[in-house]
Each structure stands twice: as structure tokens, then as C-alpha cells.
């Protein structure tokens, strides 16, 4: 399962603007297994789309 969440991060060095949620900050892209255990976590600026973040998570999971 892959999901993302935009969070406010006013002090972050790299941050972006998520227009859908109107948040300036970062986005967490998270992959979990069927039991809910974390597999991978990726932090990006909030202006990265969910699909681009999911592609990065899937690519990193394939390399593992």
C-alpha cells in the first residue's frame, strides 16, 4: 500500500506548495505491507505529485 501526506514544515530547507491542500511544506510518501508495517518512507517538497512520489517509492522498493 502506498500513500502520501502533506505536512507544514516552515523551517525545512526544501519545501514546496501543495495547491490541493494549500499547504507550504513537505510531503511524506509511505509504503507499508499488508500488516501495516513500514517498508519505505520518502520525504519530498510538497509540490511533488502523488504519482511521481509513488514511482520513486516503487523504484526504491525494486532496488531493495
N, C-alpha and C. Protein backbone atom coordinates (compact mmCIF):
# COMPACT_ATOMS: atom_id res chain seq x y z
N UNK A 1 0.83 -1.15 0.00
CA UNK A 1 0.00 0.00 0.00
C UNK A 1 0.90 1.24 0.00
N UNK A 2 0.57 2.20 -0.82
CA UNK A 2 1.33 3.45 -0.90
C UNK A 2 0.39 4.61 -0.65
N UNK A 3 0.83 5.57 0.15
CA UNK A 3 0.03 6.76 0.42
C UNK A 3 0.97 7.93 0.64
N UNK A 4 0.40 9.14 0.62
CA UNK A 4 1.20 10.33 0.88
C UNK A 4 0.41 11.29 1.76
N UNK A 5 1.16 12.16 2.42
CA UNK A 5 0.55 13.14 3.31
C UNK A 5 1.36 14.42 3.24
N UNK A 6 0.69 15.54 3.06
CA UNK A 6 1.35 16.84 3.07
C UNK A 6 1.32 17.39 4.48
N UNK A 7 2.47 17.90 4.94
CA UNK A 7 2.58 18.46 6.28
C UNK A 7 3.25 19.81 6.22
N UNK A 8 2.89 20.69 7.12
CA UNK A 8 3.51 22.00 7.22
C UNK A 8 4.93 21.84 7.73
N UNK A 9 5.86 22.53 7.09
CA UNK A 9 7.27 22.48 7.51
C UNK A 9 7.91 23.83 7.22
N UNK A 10 7.59 24.83 8.03
CA UNK A 10 8.09 26.18 7.74
C UNK A 10 9.61 26.31 7.87
N UNK A 11 10.27 25.46 8.62
CA UNK A 11 11.71 25.57 8.83
C UNK A 11 12.51 24.62 7.95
N UNK A 12 11.85 23.84 7.09
CA UNK A 12 12.55 22.88 6.23
C UNK A 12 13.38 23.61 5.18
N UNK A 13 14.52 23.03 4.83
CA UNK A 13 15.39 23.65 3.81
C UNK A 13 14.75 23.55 2.43
N UNK A 14 14.17 22.40 2.11
CA UNK A 14 13.48 22.23 0.83
C UNK A 14 12.00 22.02 1.12
N UNK A 15 11.19 22.88 0.56
CA UNK A 15 9.75 22.76 0.76
C UNK A 15 9.06 23.26 -0.50
N UNK A 16 7.81 22.93 -0.62
CA UNK A 16 7.03 23.32 -1.79
C UNK A 16 5.61 23.63 -1.39
N UNK A 17 4.79 23.98 -2.38
CA UNK A 17 3.41 24.35 -2.12
C UNK A 17 2.49 23.30 -2.72
N UNK A 18 1.67 22.67 -1.88
CA UNK A 18 0.67 21.71 -2.33
C UNK A 18 -0.62 22.49 -2.57
N UNK A 19 -0.95 22.73 -3.84
CA UNK A 19 -2.11 23.54 -4.20
C UNK A 19 -3.43 22.89 -3.83
N UNK A 20 -3.50 21.57 -3.83
CA UNK A 20 -4.74 20.89 -3.49
C UNK A 20 -5.11 21.06 -2.03
N UNK A 21 -4.11 21.03 -1.16
CA UNK A 21 -4.36 21.17 0.28
C UNK A 21 -3.98 22.53 0.82
N UNK A 22 -3.39 23.37 -0.05
CA UNK A 22 -2.98 24.73 0.32
C UNK A 22 -2.02 24.72 1.52
N UNK A 23 -0.99 23.88 1.39
CA UNK A 23 0.00 23.73 2.46
C UNK A 23 1.38 24.00 1.89
N UNK A 24 2.17 24.81 2.60
CA UNK A 24 3.57 25.01 2.26
C UNK A 24 4.37 24.11 3.19
N UNK A 25 5.12 23.19 2.60
CA UNK A 25 5.89 22.28 3.44
C UNK A 25 6.44 21.11 2.67
N UNK A 26 6.34 19.94 3.25
CA UNK A 26 6.90 18.72 2.69
C UNK A 26 5.81 17.67 2.55
N UNK A 27 6.13 16.64 1.80
CA UNK A 27 5.18 15.54 1.60
C UNK A 27 5.88 14.24 1.97
N UNK A 28 5.17 13.40 2.74
CA UNK A 28 5.68 12.09 3.11
C UNK A 28 5.03 11.06 2.21
N UNK A 29 5.83 10.28 1.51
CA UNK A 29 5.34 9.17 0.71
C UNK A 29 5.72 7.91 1.47
N UNK A 30 4.74 7.07 1.78
CA UNK A 30 4.97 5.92 2.64
C UNK A 30 4.47 4.65 1.96
N UNK A 31 5.26 3.59 2.04
CA UNK A 31 4.85 2.27 1.57
C UNK A 31 4.81 1.33 2.78
N UNK A 32 3.71 0.59 2.91
CA UNK A 32 3.56 -0.37 4.01
C UNK A 32 3.18 -1.73 3.43
N UNK A 33 3.40 -2.79 4.21
CA UNK A 33 2.97 -4.11 3.77
C UNK A 33 1.53 -4.35 4.19
N UNK A 34 1.02 -5.55 3.97
CA UNK A 34 -0.39 -5.83 4.25
C UNK A 34 -0.71 -5.82 5.73
N UNK A 35 0.29 -5.92 6.60
CA UNK A 35 0.07 -5.84 8.05
C UNK A 35 0.23 -4.42 8.58
N UNK A 36 0.57 -3.46 7.70
CA UNK A 36 0.73 -2.07 8.11
C UNK A 36 2.12 -1.70 8.57
N UNK A 37 3.09 -2.58 8.38
CA UNK A 37 4.47 -2.28 8.78
C UNK A 37 5.15 -1.45 7.69
N UNK A 38 5.93 -0.46 8.12
CA UNK A 38 6.63 0.42 7.17
C UNK A 38 7.63 -0.37 6.35
N UNK A 39 7.62 -0.12 5.05
CA UNK A 39 8.64 -0.66 4.16
C UNK A 39 9.60 0.44 3.73
N UNK A 40 9.04 1.56 3.26
CA UNK A 40 9.85 2.69 2.80
C UNK A 40 9.16 4.00 3.13
N UNK A 41 9.96 5.01 3.40
CA UNK A 41 9.46 6.37 3.62
C UNK A 41 10.33 7.32 2.81
N UNK A 42 9.70 8.23 2.11
CA UNK A 42 10.41 9.21 1.30
C UNK A 42 9.85 10.60 1.60
N UNK A 43 10.74 11.56 1.85
CA UNK A 43 10.35 12.95 2.08
C UNK A 43 10.69 13.77 0.85
N UNK A 44 9.71 14.54 0.37
CA UNK A 44 9.89 15.39 -0.81
C UNK A 44 9.26 16.74 -0.53
N UNK A 45 9.58 17.75 -1.34
CA UNK A 45 8.83 19.01 -1.24
C UNK A 45 7.36 18.75 -1.56
N UNK A 46 6.47 19.53 -1.01
CA UNK A 46 5.03 19.29 -1.15
C UNK A 46 4.53 19.46 -2.58
N UNK A 47 5.30 20.11 -3.45
CA UNK A 47 4.81 20.31 -4.81
C UNK A 47 5.04 19.10 -5.71
N UNK A 48 5.65 18.04 -5.22
CA UNK A 48 5.80 16.79 -5.98
C UNK A 48 4.46 16.08 -5.99
N UNK A 49 4.04 15.61 -7.17
CA UNK A 49 2.74 14.95 -7.27
C UNK A 49 2.77 13.59 -6.59
N UNK A 50 1.59 13.09 -6.25
CA UNK A 50 1.48 11.79 -5.61
C UNK A 50 1.99 10.68 -6.54
N UNK A 51 1.70 10.79 -7.83
CA UNK A 51 2.13 9.75 -8.76
C UNK A 51 3.65 9.73 -8.90
N UNK A 52 4.30 10.89 -8.92
CA UNK A 52 5.76 10.94 -9.01
C UNK A 52 6.40 10.38 -7.74
N UNK A 53 5.81 10.67 -6.60
CA UNK A 53 6.31 10.11 -5.34
C UNK A 53 6.13 8.61 -5.27
N UNK A 54 5.01 8.12 -5.80
CA UNK A 54 4.76 6.68 -5.81
C UNK A 54 5.76 5.97 -6.73
N UNK A 55 6.09 6.58 -7.87
CA UNK A 55 7.07 5.99 -8.77
C UNK A 55 8.43 5.87 -8.09
N UNK A 56 8.82 6.89 -7.32
CA UNK A 56 10.10 6.87 -6.62
C UNK A 56 10.10 5.77 -5.55
N UNK A 57 8.99 5.63 -4.84
CA UNK A 57 8.89 4.59 -3.80
C UNK A 57 8.97 3.20 -4.44
N UNK A 58 8.27 3.00 -5.54
CA UNK A 58 8.30 1.70 -6.23
C UNK A 58 9.69 1.38 -6.77
N UNK A 59 10.37 2.38 -7.33
CA UNK A 59 11.73 2.17 -7.84
C UNK A 59 12.68 1.79 -6.71
N UNK A 60 12.57 2.47 -5.58
CA UNK A 60 13.44 2.16 -4.44
C UNK A 60 13.12 0.77 -3.89
N UNK A 61 11.86 0.39 -3.91
CA UNK A 61 11.47 -0.94 -3.41
C UNK A 61 12.02 -2.03 -4.33
N UNK A 62 12.04 -1.79 -5.64
CA UNK A 62 12.60 -2.77 -6.59
C UNK A 62 14.10 -2.95 -6.36
N UNK A 63 14.80 -1.86 -6.02
CA UNK A 63 16.24 -1.96 -5.78
C UNK A 63 16.57 -2.73 -4.52
N UNK A 64 15.67 -2.70 -3.54
CA UNK A 64 15.88 -3.44 -2.31
C UNK A 64 15.77 -4.89 -2.61
